[in-house]
Amino acid sequence: MPQISFENIQKFFTGPSQELLILTLAGWASGISLYLTAGLLGLCGHFGWIHLPGELGIFANPVIFSLAFIIFSIEFIADKVPYVDSVWDSVHTFIRPAGAIAIGFLAGSEHGPVIQTAYAMFAGTLTLNTHTAKAAERLAINTSPEPFSNIAASTAEQGLVVFMFWFFVKHPVLTCVIIIGLLVLAFLMIRLLWRFVKAVFGFGKKKENP
């Protein structure tokens, strides 16, 4: 009977399974920053740290990932300014999931339209989950007038994305296990955070008749 080890588990995740690991990372990270995710995917692909499946290899072009990092530099500042971060998030409510859908679609280009669509839906759903949790978190933080909590939260989120990409290069399976845990936590936090935001900003309250 073959022994079960972490090395054997990692060997199992090759081919389509490896692609799902990459999409798990990309889908989660895109909910925090689509541009940072695109830049890191391209950078890792360019240096061979991560094998980008299908047509996702286009991100490894220095022009593409450099452009992604340039746009991220704008987001880096906007994401740390109170209320500007929430406006930025609201604008990206469509952009982030759409970008993740494109990433999934490109990743599955070698498998045909059915797999491409499944990959796109998978990545887009993960991104929407993370984005919703982040947007609710920022609205809650913006109830405080001081800017330091916004800076701390933004720096922690973006730093976590960079760390997860670095950790993925070394331990892809373990990274995705951690991400799944973060996604479950985000799902549980969304309801609680939106309740808090609705209570503070008065969303959904019925107007009283005079």
Protein backbone atom coordinates (compact mmCIF):
# COMPACT_ATOMS: atom_id res chain seq x y z
CA MET A 1 0.00 0.00 0.00
CA PRO A 2 1.56 3.33 -1.08
CA GLN A 3 2.35 5.77 1.70
CA ILE A 4 0.52 9.08 1.78
CA SER A 5 2.95 11.96 2.07
CA PHE A 6 2.91 15.69 1.34
CA GLU A 7 5.22 15.07 -1.65
CA ASN A 8 2.79 12.50 -3.10
CA ILE A 9 -0.09 14.91 -2.61
CA GLN A 10 1.79 17.62 -4.50
CA LYS A 11 2.55 15.18 -7.34
CA PHE A 12 -1.18 14.52 -7.62
CA PHE A 13 -1.77 18.19 -8.39
CA THR A 14 -0.38 18.26 -11.92
CA GLY A 15 -2.03 19.10 -15.22
CA PRO A 16 -5.62 20.33 -14.74
CA SER A 17 -5.25 20.06 -10.95
CA GLN A 18 -2.23 22.37 -11.07
CA GLU A 19 -4.28 24.80 -13.13
CA LEU A 20 -6.99 24.82 -10.46
CA LEU A 21 -4.37 25.63 -7.84
CA ILE A 22 -3.20 28.61 -9.88
CA LEU A 23 -6.78 29.77 -10.41
CA THR A 24 -7.50 29.45 -6.69
CA LEU A 25 -4.58 31.77 -5.98
CA ALA A 26 -5.43 34.17 -8.80
CA GLY A 27 -9.16 34.23 -8.05
CA TRP A 28 -8.66 34.97 -4.36
CA ALA A 29 -5.92 37.56 -4.95
CA SER A 30 -7.88 39.36 -7.69
CA GLY A 31 -10.58 40.17 -5.15
CA ILE A 32 -7.99 42.25 -3.30
CA SER A 33 -6.15 43.67 -6.30
CA LEU A 34 -6.64 42.55 -9.88
CA TYR A 35 -3.68 44.61 -11.09
CA LEU A 36 -1.26 43.31 -8.46
CA THR A 37 -2.42 39.77 -9.24
CA ALA A 38 -1.92 40.21 -13.00
CA GLY A 39 1.50 41.72 -12.41
CA LEU A 40 2.62 38.96 -10.06
CA LEU A 41 1.28 36.24 -12.36
CA GLY A 42 3.23 37.74 -15.23
CA LEU A 43 6.39 38.22 -13.18
CA CYS A 44 6.28 34.64 -11.85
CA GLY A 45 5.56 33.29 -15.32
CA HIS A 46 8.34 35.36 -16.89
CA PHE A 47 10.98 33.97 -14.54
CA GLY A 48 9.56 30.45 -14.61
CA TRP A 49 8.53 30.40 -10.96
CA ILE A 50 4.95 29.49 -11.92
CA HIS A 51 3.95 27.71 -15.12
CA LEU A 52 1.07 29.74 -16.54
CA PRO A 53 -1.40 27.41 -18.29
CA GLY A 54 -3.03 27.99 -21.66
CA GLU A 55 -3.00 31.51 -23.05
CA LEU A 56 -2.40 32.90 -19.57
CA GLY A 57 1.25 32.96 -20.61
CA ILE A 58 0.55 36.32 -22.29
CA PHE A 59 0.82 37.83 -18.81
CA ALA A 60 4.52 36.85 -18.79
CA ASN A 61 5.19 39.49 -21.45
CA PRO A 62 7.16 42.29 -19.71
CA VAL A 63 4.96 44.92 -21.34
CA ILE A 64 1.80 43.34 -19.90
CA PHE A 65 2.95 42.80 -16.33
CA SER A 66 4.77 46.17 -16.26
CA LEU A 67 1.51 47.88 -17.28
CA ALA A 68 -0.32 45.96 -14.56
CA PHE A 69 2.18 47.16 -11.95
CA ILE A 70 1.87 50.76 -13.19
CA ILE A 71 -1.91 50.67 -12.73
CA PHE A 72 -1.42 48.99 -9.37
CA SER A 73 0.77 51.93 -8.28
CA ILE A 74 -2.32 54.14 -8.65
CA GLU A 75 -4.44 51.66 -6.71
CA PHE A 76 -1.71 51.42 -4.06
CA ILE A 77 -2.33 55.06 -3.15
CA ALA A 78 -6.10 55.18 -3.72
CA ASP A 79 -6.62 52.11 -1.55
CA LYS A 80 -5.14 53.88 1.47
CA VAL A 81 -7.25 57.06 1.39
CA PRO A 82 -10.48 57.01 3.45
CA TYR A 83 -13.64 56.93 1.27
CA VAL A 84 -11.53 57.00 -1.90
CA ASP A 85 -10.84 53.32 -1.24
CA SER A 86 -14.58 52.59 -1.05
CA VAL A 87 -15.22 54.49 -4.28
CA TRP A 88 -12.40 52.55 -5.91
CA ASP A 89 -13.89 49.28 -4.65
CA SER A 90 -17.35 50.19 -5.93
CA VAL A 91 -15.96 50.90 -9.40
CA HIS A 92 -14.11 47.58 -9.33
CA THR A 93 -17.13 45.54 -8.26
CA PHE A 94 -17.49 44.59 -11.91
CA ILE A 95 -13.86 44.98 -13.02
CA ARG A 96 -12.31 42.52 -10.54
CA PRO A 97 -14.68 39.58 -11.18
CA ALA A 98 -14.58 40.28 -14.93
CA GLY A 99 -10.79 40.26 -14.85
CA ALA A 100 -10.78 36.97 -12.93
CA ILE A 101 -13.23 35.49 -15.42
CA ALA A 102 -10.82 36.47 -18.21
CA ILE A 103 -7.92 34.87 -16.31
CA GLY A 104 -9.88 31.64 -15.93
CA PHE A 105 -10.93 31.66 -19.57
CA LEU A 106 -7.36 32.15 -20.77
CA ALA A 107 -6.06 29.45 -18.42
CA GLY A 108 -8.41 26.85 -19.91
CA SER A 109 -7.73 27.63 -23.55
CA GLU A 110 -6.11 24.22 -24.13
CA HIS A 111 -9.21 22.34 -22.94
CA GLY A 112 -12.02 23.83 -25.00
CA PRO A 113 -15.02 26.05 -24.23
CA VAL A 114 -16.61 23.85 -21.53
CA ILE A 115 -13.51 23.78 -19.32
CA GLN A 116 -12.80 27.42 -20.14
CA THR A 117 -16.25 28.42 -18.94
CA ALA A 118 -15.88 26.33 -15.77
CA TYR A 119 -12.48 27.87 -15.04
CA ALA A 120 -13.88 31.35 -15.68
CA MET A 121 -16.82 30.81 -13.33
CA PHE A 122 -14.55 29.32 -10.67
CA ALA A 123 -12.09 32.23 -10.70
CA GLY A 124 -14.82 34.87 -10.94
CA THR A 125 -16.74 33.43 -7.98
CA LEU A 126 -13.65 33.39 -5.76
CA THR A 127 -12.88 36.99 -6.71
CA LEU A 128 -16.41 38.19 -6.01
CA ASN A 129 -16.31 36.55 -2.57
CA THR A 130 -13.02 38.23 -1.63
CA HIS A 131 -13.99 41.57 -3.16
CA THR A 132 -17.31 41.68 -1.30
CA ALA A 133 -15.60 40.99 2.02
CA LYS A 134 -12.98 43.65 1.31
CA ALA A 135 -15.55 46.26 0.27
CA ALA A 136 -17.62 45.65 3.40
CA GLU A 137 -14.49 45.80 5.55
CA ARG A 138 -13.52 49.17 4.05
CA LEU A 139 -16.97 50.65 4.57
CA ALA A 140 -16.79 49.56 8.20
CA ILE A 141 -13.31 51.04 8.61
CA ASN A 142 -14.43 54.31 7.05
CA THR A 143 -16.80 54.87 9.96
CA SER A 144 -13.62 55.95 11.79
CA PRO A 145 -12.35 59.43 10.78
CA GLU A 146 -8.62 58.64 11.16
CA PRO A 147 -6.74 57.37 8.06
CA PHE A 148 -4.29 55.03 9.79
CA SER A 149 -6.65 52.05 9.88
CA ASN A 150 -7.14 52.34 6.11
CA ILE A 151 -3.38 52.41 5.54
CA ALA A 152 -2.83 49.45 7.85
CA ALA A 153 -5.63 47.37 6.28
CA SER A 154 -4.54 48.12 2.72
CA THR A 155 -0.88 47.39 3.43
CA ALA A 156 -1.78 44.13 5.17
CA GLU A 157 -4.03 42.99 2.29
CA GLN A 158 -1.55 43.80 -0.46
CA GLY A 159 1.33 42.36 1.56
CA LEU A 160 -0.66 39.16 2.05
CA VAL A 161 -1.14 38.83 -1.72
CA VAL A 162 2.61 39.17 -2.32
CA PHE A 163 3.36 36.68 0.46
CA MET A 164 0.85 34.15 -0.89
CA PHE A 165 2.43 34.29 -4.34
CA TRP A 166 5.87 33.74 -2.81
CA PHE A 167 4.56 30.90 -0.66
CA PHE A 168 2.74 29.38 -3.65
CA VAL A 169 6.03 29.02 -5.53
CA LYS A 170 7.35 26.91 -2.64
CA HIS A 171 4.17 25.17 -1.44
CA PRO A 172 1.27 25.45 -3.93
CA VAL A 173 -1.04 22.93 -2.25
CA LEU A 174 -0.57 24.30 1.25
CA THR A 175 -1.07 27.84 -0.05
CA CYS A 176 -4.43 26.90 -1.55
CA VAL A 177 -5.50 25.16 1.67
CA ILE A 178 -4.81 28.44 3.49
CA ILE A 179 -6.69 30.39 0.80
CA ILE A 180 -9.73 28.12 1.13
CA GLY A 181 -9.70 28.86 4.85
CA LEU A 182 -9.50 32.59 4.13
CA LEU A 183 -12.40 32.33 1.67
CA VAL A 184 -14.57 30.55 4.24
CA LEU A 185 -13.67 33.21 6.79
CA ALA A 186 -14.46 35.96 4.28
CA PHE A 187 -17.84 34.38 3.54
CA LEU A 188 -18.68 34.33 7.23
CA MET A 189 -17.49 37.91 7.70
CA ILE A 190 -19.50 39.34 4.81
CA ARG A 191 -22.86 39.02 6.56
CA LEU A 192 -21.52 40.41 9.83
CA LEU A 193 -19.73 43.32 8.19
CA TRP A 194 -22.66 44.28 5.98
CA ARG A 195 -24.95 44.25 9.01
CA PHE A 196 -22.58 46.67 10.71
CA VAL A 197 -22.33 48.88 7.62
CA LYS A 198 -26.12 48.94 7.18
CA ALA A 199 -26.59 49.89 10.83
CA VAL A 200 -24.04 52.71 10.64
CA PHE A 201 -25.00 54.19 7.28
CA GLY A 202 -28.72 53.47 7.62
CA PHE A 203 -29.00 51.32 4.50
CA GLY A 204 -32.36 49.65 4.15
CA LYS A 205 -34.13 51.75 6.79
CA LYS A 206 -37.70 52.68 5.99
CA LYS A 207 -38.55 56.35 6.01
CA GLU A 208 -40.93 57.27 8.74
CA ASN A 209 -44.10 59.03 7.72
CA PRO A 210 -44.47 62.49 9.23
